[in-house]
Amino acid sequence: MKLLKPHKGHLLISEPNMLDPNFKRSVILLTNHNEIESVGFILNQPTKVGINDLIDDFPSFDAPVYIGGPVQKETLHFIHSMGDLIDGSIHVGENLYWSGNFQTLMKLVTEKKIFSSQIRFFVGYSGWGAGQLERELEEQSWIIAPGNSEIALRQHNQKLWKNFISQMDKEYAIWANMPEDPSLN
């Protein structure tokens, strides 16, 4: 796999030997990356909570909430494919946006102009300060891969990490079938 430099819209795939429990076997969508900070959301850590469980006045909407990362877990974030229909959206990649006006989002849900396949909700986020992500990349904590809206908005993606790892070089492929805790095997 060609080595990429991190950019918004790229995916960070945790190395198989990642010890940090927040990021073990995780796939993160980078929504912002610059010299000051990097921000992303873990795509493969669903909760058993739906958006209506978190926000009382949100219109009825069948959408799960994911753990975006360990930073500010009391905050709610979203990525979507609705582009300019949600003002204030930040373009992340082809047909992929981050955030936007929450009132507009609620109106689109009420009017049934947005579906759960077009949006993902997250509590918390993954964040890195200046130079931190670059150091982690030098330490080989992450593998960078191109991202797209199909991967980022896929609802059932708990096997996402395994799928990426199994497609990589032989040195990684063996890890795809290894249990998360080999001592329990």
Protein backbone atom coordinates (compact mmCIF):
# COMPACT_ATOMS: atom_id res chain seq x y z
CA MET A 1 0.00 0.00 0.00
CA LYS A 2 1.33 3.43 -0.93
CA LEU A 3 2.13 5.59 2.10
CA LEU A 4 -0.11 8.62 2.26
CA LYS A 5 0.17 11.83 4.23
CA PRO A 6 -2.84 12.62 6.42
CA HIS A 7 -5.51 14.89 4.92
CA LYS A 8 -9.13 15.49 5.75
CA GLY A 9 -11.21 12.74 4.21
CA HIS A 10 -8.52 10.12 4.80
CA LEU A 11 -8.90 7.19 7.16
CA LEU A 12 -6.59 6.33 10.04
CA ILE A 13 -6.48 2.59 10.66
CA SER A 14 -4.94 1.59 13.97
CA GLU A 15 -1.89 -0.63 13.74
CA PRO A 16 -2.57 -4.19 14.97
CA ASN A 17 -0.36 -3.65 18.01
CA MET A 18 -2.18 -0.47 19.16
CA LEU A 19 -2.45 -0.66 22.95
CA ASP A 20 -4.57 2.42 23.63
CA PRO A 21 -8.03 0.99 24.44
CA ASN A 22 -9.71 4.08 22.94
CA PHE A 23 -8.28 3.28 19.52
CA LYS A 24 -7.62 -0.46 19.50
CA ARG A 25 -8.84 -1.89 16.17
CA SER A 26 -10.34 1.43 15.16
CA VAL A 27 -10.89 3.20 11.85
CA ILE A 28 -11.07 6.98 12.08
CA LEU A 29 -12.31 9.44 9.48
CA LEU A 30 -10.20 12.62 9.55
CA THR A 31 -12.49 15.62 9.17
CA ASN A 32 -9.79 18.22 9.76
CA HIS A 33 -6.01 18.15 9.54
CA ASN A 34 -3.68 21.14 9.58
CA GLU A 35 -0.56 22.37 11.37
CA ILE A 36 -2.58 23.30 14.48
CA GLU A 37 -4.85 20.30 15.01
CA SER A 38 -6.39 17.14 13.64
CA VAL A 39 -9.96 16.03 14.29
CA GLY A 40 -11.66 12.76 13.40
CA PHE A 41 -14.36 10.28 14.33
CA ILE A 42 -14.12 6.56 15.01
CA LEU A 43 -16.34 4.83 12.45
CA ASN A 44 -16.51 1.37 14.00
CA GLN A 45 -17.54 1.92 17.63
CA PRO A 46 -21.35 1.89 17.71
CA THR A 47 -23.32 2.34 20.90
CA LYS A 48 -26.73 0.91 21.74
CA VAL A 49 -28.08 4.46 21.87
CA GLY A 50 -30.04 6.19 19.14
CA ILE A 51 -30.19 9.92 18.43
CA ASN A 52 -33.71 10.11 19.93
CA ASP A 53 -32.34 8.69 23.20
CA LEU A 54 -29.96 11.64 23.46
CA ILE A 55 -32.07 14.58 22.27
CA ASP A 56 -35.66 14.76 23.47
CA ASP A 57 -36.94 17.21 20.85
CA PHE A 58 -35.22 15.55 17.88
CA PRO A 59 -37.81 14.31 15.35
CA SER A 60 -38.35 10.57 15.28
CA PHE A 61 -35.34 9.17 13.42
CA ASP A 62 -33.83 5.70 13.46
CA ALA A 63 -30.12 6.54 13.63
CA PRO A 64 -27.55 4.98 15.95
CA VAL A 65 -24.92 7.04 17.75
CA TYR A 66 -21.24 6.09 17.60
CA ILE A 67 -18.35 6.85 19.92
CA GLY A 68 -16.34 9.40 17.97
CA GLY A 69 -13.39 9.33 20.35
CA PRO A 70 -12.27 10.06 23.89
CA VAL A 71 -12.32 13.88 23.66
CA GLN A 72 -15.35 15.79 24.98
CA LYS A 73 -17.68 12.80 25.17
CA GLU A 74 -20.52 15.12 26.19
CA THR A 75 -20.58 16.70 22.72
CA LEU A 76 -22.58 15.54 19.70
CA HIS A 77 -21.19 15.64 16.14
CA PHE A 78 -22.33 14.42 12.75
CA ILE A 79 -21.05 13.68 9.27
CA HIS A 80 -23.36 13.53 6.27
CA SER A 81 -23.75 13.55 2.51
CA MET A 82 -26.23 16.43 2.34
CA GLY A 83 -23.73 19.10 1.31
CA ASP A 84 -25.15 22.57 0.89
CA LEU A 85 -28.62 21.53 2.09
CA ILE A 86 -27.24 21.91 5.62
CA ASP A 87 -25.74 25.39 5.84
CA GLY A 88 -22.45 25.66 7.66
CA SER A 89 -21.35 22.18 6.57
CA ILE A 90 -17.61 21.62 6.18
CA HIS A 91 -16.57 19.74 3.05
CA VAL A 92 -14.44 16.71 3.98
CA GLY A 93 -14.32 14.71 0.75
CA GLU A 94 -16.36 13.69 -2.24
CA ASN A 95 -20.02 13.72 -1.13
CA LEU A 96 -18.93 13.89 2.53
CA TYR A 97 -19.44 16.74 4.99
CA TRP A 98 -18.98 17.42 8.67
CA SER A 99 -21.31 19.37 10.94
CA GLY A 100 -23.61 22.19 9.91
CA ASN A 101 -26.69 23.96 11.22
CA PHE A 102 -28.43 21.57 13.61
CA GLN A 103 -31.84 23.28 13.25
CA THR A 104 -31.65 22.80 9.49
CA LEU A 105 -30.78 19.14 10.04
CA MET A 106 -33.80 18.68 12.31
CA LYS A 107 -36.03 20.36 9.70
CA LEU A 108 -34.74 17.99 6.97
CA VAL A 109 -35.45 15.01 9.22
CA THR A 110 -38.96 16.28 10.00
CA GLU A 111 -39.62 16.77 6.27
CA LYS A 112 -38.17 13.30 5.54
CA LYS A 113 -35.55 14.80 3.22
CA ILE A 114 -32.66 13.00 4.92
CA PHE A 115 -32.31 9.31 5.73
CA SER A 116 -30.14 7.43 8.21
CA SER A 117 -27.95 6.18 5.36
CA GLN A 118 -26.94 9.80 4.70
CA ILE A 119 -25.80 10.75 8.21
CA ARG A 120 -23.76 9.46 11.17
CA PHE A 121 -23.91 10.80 14.73
CA PHE A 122 -21.04 10.67 17.20
CA VAL A 123 -20.53 11.48 20.86
CA GLY A 124 -17.07 12.86 21.45
CA TYR A 125 -14.29 13.01 18.92
CA SER A 126 -10.68 12.04 18.34
CA GLY A 127 -8.26 14.93 18.45
CA TRP A 128 -4.56 15.63 18.11
CA GLY A 129 -2.62 18.81 18.84
CA ALA A 130 0.08 20.34 16.65
CA GLY A 131 2.50 17.64 15.47
CA GLN A 132 0.93 14.90 17.63
CA LEU A 133 -0.59 12.89 14.78
CA GLU A 134 2.65 13.14 12.78
CA ARG A 135 4.59 11.71 15.78
CA GLU A 136 2.10 8.86 16.08
CA LEU A 137 2.51 8.16 12.35
CA GLU A 138 6.31 8.10 12.76
CA GLU A 139 5.82 5.64 15.64
CA GLN A 140 3.76 3.53 13.22
CA SER A 141 0.60 3.70 15.31
CA TRP A 142 -1.60 4.37 12.28
CA ILE A 143 -1.97 3.32 8.66
CA ILE A 144 -3.45 5.96 6.35
CA ALA A 145 -5.94 4.98 3.66
CA PRO A 146 -8.16 6.97 1.31
CA GLY A 147 -11.69 7.46 2.58
CA ASN A 148 -15.02 8.01 0.91
CA SER A 149 -18.64 8.64 1.84
CA GLU A 150 -19.64 5.00 1.27
CA ILE A 151 -17.19 3.82 3.95
CA ALA A 152 -17.82 6.73 6.30
CA LEU A 153 -21.62 6.48 6.25
CA ARG A 154 -21.95 2.68 6.25
CA GLN A 155 -24.10 1.79 9.27
CA HIS A 156 -22.95 -1.77 9.93
CA ASN A 157 -19.20 -1.54 9.95
CA GLN A 158 -17.97 -3.29 13.08
CA LYS A 159 -15.73 -5.45 10.85
CA LEU A 160 -14.29 -2.40 9.10
CA TRP A 161 -10.86 -2.65 10.79
CA LYS A 162 -10.59 -6.38 10.04
CA ASN A 163 -11.56 -5.79 6.40
CA PHE A 164 -8.85 -3.15 5.93
CA ILE A 165 -6.16 -5.18 7.69
CA SER A 166 -6.93 -8.35 5.72
CA GLN A 167 -6.45 -6.44 2.43
CA MET A 168 -2.97 -5.25 3.37
CA ASP A 169 0.44 -6.84 3.04
CA LYS A 170 1.05 -10.29 4.48
CA GLU A 171 2.62 -8.76 7.60
CA TYR A 172 -0.79 -7.32 8.51
CA ALA A 173 -3.16 -9.94 7.09
CA ILE A 174 -2.36 -12.45 9.84
CA TRP A 175 -3.70 -9.97 12.40
CA ALA A 176 -7.15 -9.87 10.78
CA ASN A 177 -8.15 -13.28 12.14
CA MET A 178 -6.38 -13.00 15.48
CA PRO A 179 -8.71 -12.55 18.46
CA GLU A 180 -8.58 -9.15 20.14
CA ASP A 181 -7.13 -10.77 23.27
CA PRO A 182 -5.10 -13.86 22.21
CA SER A 183 -4.72 -14.97 25.84
CA LEU A 184 -8.45 -15.75 25.92
CA ASN A 185 -8.17 -18.09 22.95
